[in-house]
Amino acid sequence: MKITIIGPGAIGTLLAASMAKSGNDISVLVKAEQKKQFENGTIVLDNFNGKKIESRIKITTELEHPDWIILAVKSYDVVNLLDLLKKSKSPVLCCQNGIRTYNQIKEEIGKERMAYMVTGMGSSKIEPGRAVFKGSGFTYIGAISGQKNPEIMELSNVINKSGIRCEV
């Protein structure tokens, strides 16, 4: 699956490293001023059990046409991405805390293209492109429409195959 993750922080790095190692076409969208920090195209996830995942991924400042966009930025950064999301036709999996971003995104792209993720997994950003995975937990995703459509089911399968237990 072709997935663009916006936001290379703790959750974004965890998802990117995990899904890239299971054979997906992963790119991470970064701000232009951040791109130099990712020049080698490698992200690293240190696991709490001592294992390390190093994944080569595409680092980009341009949004292409992925099967899914995973929005893994802080809530206060969402407003800066609304125009970009509106121009895309890809479905968006939102990974923010709180309801404010839900309303902002829904107004711009409509609930038909929206899904949300809630997770109890622990991850901390160490430096750009590197995070430490601190423990497994629940992960739930769901389409805002309330439907278990084929797209959300396929994304759930991709997340599960990456080693993250995910339920719809």
N, C-alpha and C. Protein backbone atom coordinates (compact mmCIF):
# COMPACT_ATOMS: atom_id res chain seq x y z
N MET A 1 0.85 -1.18 0.00
CA MET A 1 0.00 0.00 0.00
C MET A 1 0.89 1.24 0.00
N LYS A 2 0.48 2.25 -0.71
CA LYS A 2 1.21 3.52 -0.78
C LYS A 2 0.63 4.46 0.27
N ILE A 3 1.46 4.82 1.25
CA ILE A 3 1.01 5.63 2.39
C ILE A 3 1.96 6.80 2.57
N THR A 4 1.39 7.98 2.75
CA THR A 4 2.19 9.15 3.12
C THR A 4 1.86 9.50 4.55
N ILE A 5 2.89 9.60 5.37
CA ILE A 5 2.73 9.99 6.77
C ILE A 5 3.18 11.44 6.88
N ILE A 6 2.29 12.27 7.38
CA ILE A 6 2.64 13.67 7.61
C ILE A 6 2.91 13.81 9.10
N GLY A 7 4.17 14.12 9.43
CA GLY A 7 4.56 14.27 10.82
C GLY A 7 5.51 13.18 11.27
N PRO A 8 6.81 13.46 11.25
CA PRO A 8 7.80 12.46 11.63
C PRO A 8 8.14 12.46 13.12
N GLY A 9 7.13 12.60 13.96
CA GLY A 9 7.34 12.57 15.40
C GLY A 9 7.28 11.16 15.95
N ALA A 10 6.88 11.03 17.20
CA ALA A 10 6.87 9.73 17.88
C ALA A 10 5.95 8.72 17.19
N ILE A 11 4.70 9.07 16.98
CA ILE A 11 3.75 8.14 16.35
C ILE A 11 4.03 8.00 14.86
N GLY A 12 4.34 9.11 14.18
CA GLY A 12 4.64 9.05 12.76
C GLY A 12 5.83 8.15 12.45
N THR A 13 6.88 8.26 13.26
CA THR A 13 8.07 7.42 13.06
C THR A 13 7.76 5.97 13.38
N LEU A 14 7.01 5.72 14.45
CA LEU A 14 6.62 4.36 14.80
C LEU A 14 5.85 3.71 13.65
N LEU A 15 4.86 4.41 13.12
CA LEU A 15 4.06 3.86 12.02
C LEU A 15 4.89 3.69 10.75
N ALA A 16 5.69 4.69 10.41
CA ALA A 16 6.49 4.63 9.18
C ALA A 16 7.48 3.47 9.21
N ALA A 17 8.22 3.34 10.30
CA ALA A 17 9.21 2.26 10.40
C ALA A 17 8.54 0.90 10.37
N SER A 18 7.46 0.75 11.10
CA SER A 18 6.77 -0.54 11.18
C SER A 18 6.15 -0.93 9.84
N MET A 19 5.48 0.01 9.18
CA MET A 19 4.82 -0.32 7.92
C MET A 19 5.81 -0.47 6.77
N ALA A 20 6.91 0.25 6.80
CA ALA A 20 7.93 0.11 5.75
C ALA A 20 8.58 -1.26 5.81
N LYS A 21 8.85 -1.76 7.02
CA LYS A 21 9.51 -3.06 7.15
C LYS A 21 8.63 -4.21 6.66
N SER A 22 7.33 -3.97 6.59
CA SER A 22 6.44 -5.03 6.10
C SER A 22 6.10 -4.86 4.62
N GLY A 23 6.91 -4.06 3.91
CA GLY A 23 6.83 -4.02 2.46
C GLY A 23 5.93 -2.97 1.84
N ASN A 24 5.47 -2.02 2.60
CA ASN A 24 4.62 -0.96 2.05
C ASN A 24 5.46 0.18 1.48
N ASP A 25 4.88 0.93 0.58
CA ASP A 25 5.52 2.09 -0.04
C ASP A 25 5.22 3.29 0.84
N ILE A 26 6.16 3.61 1.73
CA ILE A 26 5.95 4.65 2.73
C ILE A 26 6.77 5.88 2.38
N SER A 27 6.12 7.02 2.44
CA SER A 27 6.86 8.29 2.35
C SER A 27 6.44 9.13 3.55
N VAL A 28 7.37 9.99 3.98
CA VAL A 28 7.10 10.88 5.10
C VAL A 28 7.21 12.31 4.58
N LEU A 29 6.14 13.05 4.75
CA LEU A 29 6.10 14.45 4.33
C LEU A 29 6.61 15.30 5.48
N VAL A 30 7.62 16.12 5.19
CA VAL A 30 8.22 16.99 6.21
C VAL A 30 8.19 18.43 5.71
N LYS A 31 8.38 19.35 6.62
CA LYS A 31 8.51 20.76 6.25
C LYS A 31 9.83 20.93 5.50
N ALA A 32 9.87 21.90 4.60
CA ALA A 32 11.08 22.13 3.79
C ALA A 32 12.30 22.31 4.68
N GLU A 33 12.16 23.01 5.79
CA GLU A 33 13.31 23.26 6.67
C GLU A 33 13.74 22.00 7.44
N GLN A 34 12.91 20.97 7.47
CA GLN A 34 13.26 19.71 8.14
C GLN A 34 13.95 18.71 7.22
N LYS A 35 13.82 18.89 5.91
CA LYS A 35 14.26 17.86 4.97
C LYS A 35 15.74 17.51 5.13
N LYS A 36 16.58 18.49 5.39
CA LYS A 36 18.02 18.25 5.53
C LYS A 36 18.31 17.28 6.69
N GLN A 37 17.47 17.28 7.70
CA GLN A 37 17.66 16.39 8.85
C GLN A 37 17.42 14.93 8.49
N PHE A 38 16.81 14.69 7.33
CA PHE A 38 16.47 13.34 6.90
C PHE A 38 17.20 12.95 5.62
N GLU A 39 18.35 13.57 5.36
CA GLU A 39 19.05 13.39 4.09
C GLU A 39 19.34 11.94 3.74
N ASN A 40 19.63 11.12 4.73
CA ASN A 40 19.99 9.72 4.41
C ASN A 40 18.76 8.85 4.11
N GLY A 41 17.56 9.36 4.32
CA GLY A 41 16.35 8.62 3.99
C GLY A 41 16.07 7.43 4.89
N THR A 42 16.70 7.40 6.04
CA THR A 42 16.51 6.29 6.98
C THR A 42 15.84 6.79 8.24
N ILE A 43 14.85 6.05 8.69
CA ILE A 43 14.27 6.31 10.01
C ILE A 43 14.55 5.10 10.89
N VAL A 44 14.67 5.36 12.17
CA VAL A 44 15.06 4.32 13.11
C VAL A 44 14.04 4.25 14.24
N LEU A 45 13.63 3.03 14.55
CA LEU A 45 12.75 2.79 15.68
C LEU A 45 13.47 1.84 16.63
N ASP A 46 13.84 2.34 17.80
CA ASP A 46 14.44 1.52 18.84
C ASP A 46 13.31 0.88 19.62
N ASN A 47 13.37 -0.43 19.79
CA ASN A 47 12.31 -1.16 20.46
C ASN A 47 12.67 -1.35 21.92
N PHE A 48 11.67 -1.40 22.78
CA PHE A 48 11.91 -1.59 24.21
C PHE A 48 12.58 -2.92 24.51
N ASN A 49 12.51 -3.90 23.59
CA ASN A 49 13.13 -5.20 23.82
C ASN A 49 14.56 -5.27 23.28
N GLY A 50 15.11 -4.12 22.87
CA GLY A 50 16.49 -4.07 22.41
C GLY A 50 16.66 -4.18 20.91
N LYS A 51 15.63 -4.55 20.19
CA LYS A 51 15.72 -4.64 18.74
C LYS A 51 15.59 -3.25 18.12
N LYS A 52 16.18 -3.11 16.94
CA LYS A 52 16.13 -1.84 16.24
C LYS A 52 15.61 -2.07 14.83
N ILE A 53 14.71 -1.23 14.38
CA ILE A 53 14.21 -1.28 13.01
C ILE A 53 14.75 -0.06 12.28
N GLU A 54 15.50 -0.30 11.22
CA GLU A 54 15.96 0.79 10.36
C GLU A 54 15.26 0.64 9.02
N SER A 55 14.58 1.67 8.60
CA SER A 55 13.80 1.61 7.36
C SER A 55 14.20 2.74 6.43
N ARG A 56 14.44 2.38 5.18
CA ARG A 56 14.69 3.38 4.13
C ARG A 56 13.32 3.80 3.60
N ILE A 57 13.08 5.07 3.65
CA ILE A 57 11.80 5.59 3.16
C ILE A 57 12.05 6.86 2.35
N LYS A 58 11.04 7.24 1.62
CA LYS A 58 11.11 8.47 0.85
C LYS A 58 10.74 9.63 1.76
N ILE A 59 11.61 10.63 1.81
CA ILE A 59 11.33 11.86 2.54
C ILE A 59 10.96 12.90 1.50
N THR A 60 9.84 13.56 1.68
CA THR A 60 9.36 14.49 0.66
C THR A 60 8.77 15.75 1.29
N THR A 61 8.71 16.79 0.50
CA THR A 61 8.03 18.02 0.92
C THR A 61 6.77 18.24 0.08
N GLU A 62 6.50 17.31 -0.83
CA GLU A 62 5.34 17.40 -1.73
C GLU A 62 4.42 16.20 -1.49
N LEU A 63 3.14 16.46 -1.43
CA LEU A 63 2.17 15.37 -1.27
C LEU A 63 1.85 14.79 -2.64
N GLU A 64 2.07 13.50 -2.79
CA GLU A 64 1.77 12.84 -4.06
C GLU A 64 0.33 12.32 -4.00
N HIS A 65 0.08 11.15 -4.50
CA HIS A 65 -1.28 10.59 -4.51
C HIS A 65 -1.28 9.22 -3.85
N PRO A 66 -1.17 9.18 -2.52
CA PRO A 66 -1.12 7.89 -1.84
C PRO A 66 -2.50 7.25 -1.72
N ASP A 67 -2.49 5.97 -1.36
CA ASP A 67 -3.74 5.28 -1.04
C ASP A 67 -4.33 5.84 0.26
N TRP A 68 -3.45 6.21 1.19
CA TRP A 68 -3.86 6.80 2.47
C TRP A 68 -2.87 7.88 2.86
N ILE A 69 -3.37 8.89 3.54
CA ILE A 69 -2.55 9.89 4.23
C ILE A 69 -2.75 9.63 5.71
N ILE A 70 -1.66 9.51 6.44
CA ILE A 70 -1.75 9.40 7.90
C ILE A 70 -1.26 10.72 8.47
N LEU A 71 -2.16 11.43 9.13
CA LEU A 71 -1.87 12.75 9.68
C LEU A 71 -1.44 12.57 11.13
N ALA A 72 -0.12 12.63 11.36
CA ALA A 72 0.44 12.35 12.68
C ALA A 72 1.16 13.57 13.25
N VAL A 73 0.59 14.75 13.02
CA VAL A 73 1.17 15.98 13.55
C VAL A 73 0.45 16.35 14.84
N LYS A 74 1.05 17.28 15.57
CA LYS A 74 0.39 17.81 16.76
C LYS A 74 -0.88 18.56 16.35
N SER A 75 -1.84 18.60 17.22
CA SER A 75 -3.12 19.24 16.93
C SER A 75 -2.96 20.67 16.45
N TYR A 76 -2.03 21.41 17.04
CA TYR A 76 -1.87 22.82 16.67
C TYR A 76 -1.29 23.00 15.27
N ASP A 77 -0.74 21.96 14.66
CA ASP A 77 -0.20 22.05 13.29
C ASP A 77 -1.23 21.69 12.22
N VAL A 78 -2.36 21.15 12.61
CA VAL A 78 -3.37 20.72 11.64
C VAL A 78 -3.84 21.87 10.77
N VAL A 79 -4.08 23.03 11.36
CA VAL A 79 -4.61 24.17 10.61
C VAL A 79 -3.70 24.54 9.43
N ASN A 80 -2.40 24.34 9.58
CA ASN A 80 -1.45 24.66 8.51
C ASN A 80 -1.49 23.66 7.37
N LEU A 81 -2.15 22.53 7.55
CA LEU A 81 -2.18 21.48 6.54
C LEU A 81 -3.54 21.33 5.85
N LEU A 82 -4.51 22.11 6.26
CA LEU A 82 -5.86 21.94 5.73
C LEU A 82 -5.94 22.14 4.22
N ASP A 83 -5.26 23.14 3.69
CA ASP A 83 -5.29 23.36 2.24
C ASP A 83 -4.69 22.18 1.49
N LEU A 84 -3.60 21.66 2.00
CA LEU A 84 -2.94 20.50 1.39
C LEU A 84 -3.87 19.29 1.38
N LEU A 85 -4.53 19.03 2.50
CA LEU A 85 -5.46 17.90 2.59
C LEU A 85 -6.66 18.09 1.67
N LYS A 86 -7.12 19.32 1.57
CA LYS A 86 -8.27 19.62 0.73
C LYS A 86 -7.97 19.35 -0.75
N LYS A 87 -6.75 19.65 -1.19
CA LYS A 87 -6.35 19.44 -2.59
C LYS A 87 -6.22 17.96 -2.94
N SER A 88 -5.90 17.15 -1.97
CA SER A 88 -5.72 15.71 -2.20
C SER A 88 -7.09 15.03 -2.28
N LYS A 89 -7.12 13.88 -2.90
CA LYS A 89 -8.34 13.07 -2.96
C LYS A 89 -8.21 11.82 -2.09
N SER A 90 -7.05 11.66 -1.45
CA SER A 90 -6.79 10.46 -0.65
C SER A 90 -7.53 10.52 0.68
N PRO A 91 -7.92 9.36 1.21
CA PRO A 91 -8.50 9.33 2.55
C PRO A 91 -7.43 9.67 3.59
N VAL A 92 -7.87 10.22 4.71
CA VAL A 92 -6.97 10.71 5.75
C VAL A 92 -7.26 10.00 7.06
N LEU A 93 -6.23 9.37 7.65
CA LEU A 93 -6.31 8.79 8.98
C LEU A 93 -5.71 9.80 9.95
N CYS A 94 -6.53 10.33 10.85
CA CYS A 94 -6.11 11.37 11.79
C CYS A 94 -5.66 10.73 13.10
N CYS A 95 -4.55 11.23 13.61
CA CYS A 95 -3.97 10.68 14.85
C CYS A 95 -3.76 11.79 15.88
N GLN A 96 -4.74 12.66 16.07
CA GLN A 96 -4.59 13.77 17.00
C GLN A 96 -5.45 13.56 18.23
N ASN A 97 -5.03 14.23 19.31
CA ASN A 97 -5.83 14.24 20.52
C ASN A 97 -6.91 15.31 20.39
N GLY A 98 -8.05 15.06 20.95
CA GLY A 98 -9.08 16.09 21.04
C GLY A 98 -10.03 16.14 19.86
N ILE A 99 -11.10 16.89 20.04
CA ILE A 99 -12.18 16.97 19.06
C ILE A 99 -12.02 18.18 18.14
N ARG A 100 -11.23 19.16 18.53
CA ARG A 100 -11.09 20.38 17.73
C ARG A 100 -10.59 20.07 16.32
N THR A 101 -9.59 19.24 16.21
CA THR A 101 -9.05 18.92 14.89
C THR A 101 -10.07 18.16 14.05
N TYR A 102 -10.88 17.36 14.68
CA TYR A 102 -11.93 16.64 13.95
C TYR A 102 -12.81 17.63 13.19
N ASN A 103 -13.27 18.65 13.88
CA ASN A 103 -14.14 19.64 13.25
C ASN A 103 -13.42 20.42 12.16
N GLN A 104 -12.17 20.79 12.41
CA GLN A 104 -11.40 21.54 11.41
C GLN A 104 -11.24 20.72 10.13
N ILE A 105 -10.86 19.48 10.27
CA ILE A 105 -10.62 18.64 9.10
C ILE A 105 -11.93 18.31 8.39
N LYS A 106 -12.95 17.98 9.15
CA LYS A 106 -14.26 17.64 8.56
C LYS A 106 -14.80 18.79 7.71
N GLU A 107 -14.64 20.01 8.18
CA GLU A 107 -15.13 21.17 7.43
C GLU A 107 -14.40 21.33 6.10
N GLU A 108 -13.13 20.95 6.05
CA GLU A 108 -12.33 21.15 4.85
C GLU A 108 -12.42 19.99 3.85
N ILE A 109 -12.41 18.76 4.35
CA ILE A 109 -12.36 17.62 3.42
C ILE A 109 -13.62 16.77 3.45
N GLY A 110 -14.45 16.96 4.45
CA GLY A 110 -15.67 16.15 4.56
C GLY A 110 -15.41 14.84 5.29
N LYS A 111 -16.42 14.36 5.98
CA LYS A 111 -16.25 13.14 6.78
C LYS A 111 -16.10 11.89 5.93
N GLU A 112 -16.47 11.95 4.66
CA GLU A 112 -16.37 10.77 3.78
C GLU A 112 -14.93 10.31 3.61
N ARG A 113 -13.97 11.24 3.68
CA ARG A 113 -12.55 10.90 3.49
C ARG A 113 -11.81 10.75 4.82
N MET A 114 -12.51 10.83 5.93
CA MET A 114 -11.85 10.85 7.24
C MET A 114 -11.97 9.53 7.99
N ALA A 115 -10.89 9.22 8.68
CA ALA A 115 -10.88 8.12 9.65
C ALA A 115 -10.04 8.60 10.83
N TYR A 116 -10.24 7.99 11.97
CA TYR A 116 -9.47 8.36 13.15
C TYR A 116 -8.79 7.14 13.73
N MET A 117 -7.65 7.39 14.36
CA MET A 117 -6.92 6.35 15.07
C MET A 117 -6.82 6.75 16.54
N VAL A 118 -7.07 5.80 17.40
CA VAL A 118 -6.86 5.97 18.83
C VAL A 118 -5.90 4.86 19.23
N THR A 119 -4.85 5.23 19.96
CA THR A 119 -3.87 4.20 20.33
C THR A 119 -3.39 4.40 21.76
N GLY A 120 -3.01 3.31 22.35
CA GLY A 120 -2.41 3.32 23.68
C GLY A 120 -0.96 2.89 23.63
N MET A 121 -0.38 2.87 22.43
CA MET A 121 1.03 2.47 22.30
C MET A 121 1.92 3.61 22.77
N GLY A 122 3.05 3.25 23.33
CA GLY A 122 3.99 4.26 23.80
C GLY A 122 5.13 4.45 22.82
N SER A 123 5.40 5.69 22.48
CA SER A 123 6.51 6.02 21.59
C SER A 123 6.99 7.41 21.93
N SER A 124 8.30 7.61 21.88
CA SER A 124 8.87 8.93 22.14
C SER A 124 9.87 9.27 21.04
N LYS A 125 9.80 10.50 20.57
CA LYS A 125 10.76 10.97 19.57
C LYS A 125 12.07 11.28 20.28
N ILE A 126 13.16 10.72 19.76
CA ILE A 126 14.48 10.95 20.33
C ILE A 126 15.17 12.10 19.60
N GLU A 127 15.09 12.07 18.29
CA GLU A 127 15.65 13.09 17.41
C GLU A 127 14.93 12.95 16.08
N PRO A 128 15.12 13.87 15.15
CA PRO A 128 14.44 13.71 13.86
C PRO A 128 14.77 12.37 13.20
N GLY A 129 13.72 11.62 12.88
CA GLY A 129 13.91 10.33 12.22
C GLY A 129 14.22 9.17 13.16
N ARG A 130 14.14 9.41 14.45
CA ARG A 130 14.43 8.34 15.41
C ARG A 130 13.45 8.43 16.58
N ALA A 131 12.85 7.29 16.90
CA ALA A 131 11.92 7.22 18.03
C ALA A 131 12.19 5.93 18.78
N VAL A 132 11.74 5.89 20.01
CA VAL A 132 11.84 4.67 20.80
C VAL A 132 10.41 4.20 21.09
N PHE A 133 10.19 2.93 20.78
CA PHE A 133 8.90 2.28 21.02
C PHE A 133 8.93 1.76 22.44
N LYS A 134 8.02 2.25 23.28
CA LYS A 134 8.07 1.95 24.71
C LYS A 134 7.08 0.90 25.17
N GLY A 135 6.23 0.42 24.26
CA GLY A 135 5.33 -0.63 24.68
C GLY A 135 4.08 -0.74 23.85
N SER A 136 3.63 -1.96 23.72
CA SER A 136 2.42 -2.24 22.94
C SER A 136 1.18 -1.82 23.70
N GLY A 137 0.17 -1.55 22.96
CA GLY A 137 -1.12 -1.20 23.54
C GLY A 137 -2.18 -1.37 22.47
N PHE A 138 -3.35 -0.89 22.75
CA PHE A 138 -4.45 -1.00 21.80
C PHE A 138 -4.27 0.00 20.66
N THR A 139 -4.80 -0.33 19.51
CA THR A 139 -4.92 0.61 18.39
C THR A 139 -6.24 0.33 17.69
N TYR A 140 -7.05 1.35 17.61
CA TYR A 140 -8.34 1.25 16.94
C TYR A 140 -8.39 2.31 15.84
N ILE A 141 -8.91 1.91 14.68
CA ILE A 141 -9.17 2.88 13.62
C ILE A 141 -10.62 2.73 13.18
N GLY A 142 -11.17 3.82 12.70
CA GLY A 142 -12.54 3.75 12.21
C GLY A 142 -12.85 4.90 11.28
N ALA A 143 -13.64 4.62 10.27
CA ALA A 143 -14.10 5.66 9.36
C ALA A 143 -15.12 6.52 10.08
N ILE A 144 -15.05 7.82 9.87
CA ILE A 144 -15.99 8.74 10.50
C ILE A 144 -17.42 8.45 10.05
N SER A 145 -17.57 7.92 8.85
CA SER A 145 -18.89 7.56 8.34
C SER A 145 -19.53 6.43 9.15
N GLY A 146 -18.71 5.72 9.94
CA GLY A 146 -19.22 4.60 10.71
C GLY A 146 -19.23 3.29 9.94
N GLN A 147 -18.86 3.32 8.69
CA GLN A 147 -18.87 2.13 7.84
C GLN A 147 -17.55 1.37 7.92
N LYS A 148 -17.62 0.07 7.89
CA LYS A 148 -16.42 -0.76 7.76
C LYS A 148 -16.19 -0.98 6.27
N ASN A 149 -15.78 0.09 5.59
CA ASN A 149 -15.60 0.02 4.14
C ASN A 149 -14.31 -0.73 3.79
N PRO A 150 -14.17 -1.16 2.55
CA PRO A 150 -12.98 -1.93 2.16
C PRO A 150 -11.67 -1.19 2.39
N GLU A 151 -11.67 0.13 2.23
CA GLU A 151 -10.43 0.91 2.42
C GLU A 151 -9.96 0.87 3.87
N ILE A 152 -10.87 1.04 4.81
CA ILE A 152 -10.48 1.03 6.22
C ILE A 152 -10.08 -0.37 6.65
N MET A 153 -10.73 -1.39 6.11
CA MET A 153 -10.37 -2.77 6.43
C MET A 153 -8.98 -3.10 5.89
N GLU A 154 -8.68 -2.63 4.68
CA GLU A 154 -7.36 -2.87 4.09
C GLU A 154 -6.27 -2.16 4.89
N LEU A 155 -6.53 -0.92 5.31
CA LEU A 155 -5.55 -0.20 6.13
C LEU A 155 -5.32 -0.92 7.45
N SER A 156 -6.37 -1.42 8.06
CA SER A 156 -6.24 -2.19 9.30
C SER A 156 -5.36 -3.42 9.08
N ASN A 157 -5.55 -4.11 7.97
CA ASN A 157 -4.72 -5.28 7.65
C ASN A 157 -3.26 -4.88 7.49
N VAL A 158 -3.00 -3.76 6.82
CA VAL A 158 -1.63 -3.28 6.64
C VAL A 158 -0.98 -2.99 8.00
N ILE A 159 -1.71 -2.33 8.87
CA ILE A 159 -1.18 -2.01 10.20
C ILE A 159 -0.93 -3.29 10.98
N ASN A 160 -1.85 -4.24 10.93
CA ASN A 160 -1.66 -5.52 11.62
C ASN A 160 -0.44 -6.26 11.10
N LYS A 161 -0.26 -6.29 9.79
CA LYS A 161 0.90 -6.99 9.20
C LYS A 161 2.22 -6.33 9.56
N SER A 162 2.17 -5.07 9.98
CA SER A 162 3.39 -4.37 10.38
C SER A 162 3.78 -4.68 11.82
N GLY A 163 2.96 -5.47 12.51
CA GLY A 163 3.27 -5.84 13.88
C GLY A 163 2.53 -5.03 14.93
N ILE A 164 1.67 -4.14 14.50
CA ILE A 164 0.86 -3.33 15.42
C ILE A 164 -0.55 -3.89 15.40
N ARG A 165 -1.01 -4.37 16.55
CA ARG A 165 -2.36 -4.94 16.61
C ARG A 165 -3.38 -3.82 16.45
N CYS A 166 -4.22 -3.95 15.44
CA CYS A 166 -5.17 -2.89 15.08
C CYS A 166 -6.55 -3.50 14.86
N GLU A 167 -7.56 -2.84 15.41
CA GLU A 167 -8.94 -3.27 15.22
C GLU A 167 -9.75 -2.13 14.62
N VAL A 168 -10.76 -2.50 13.83
CA VAL A 168 -11.67 -1.50 13.26
C VAL A 168 -12.90 -1.42 14.14
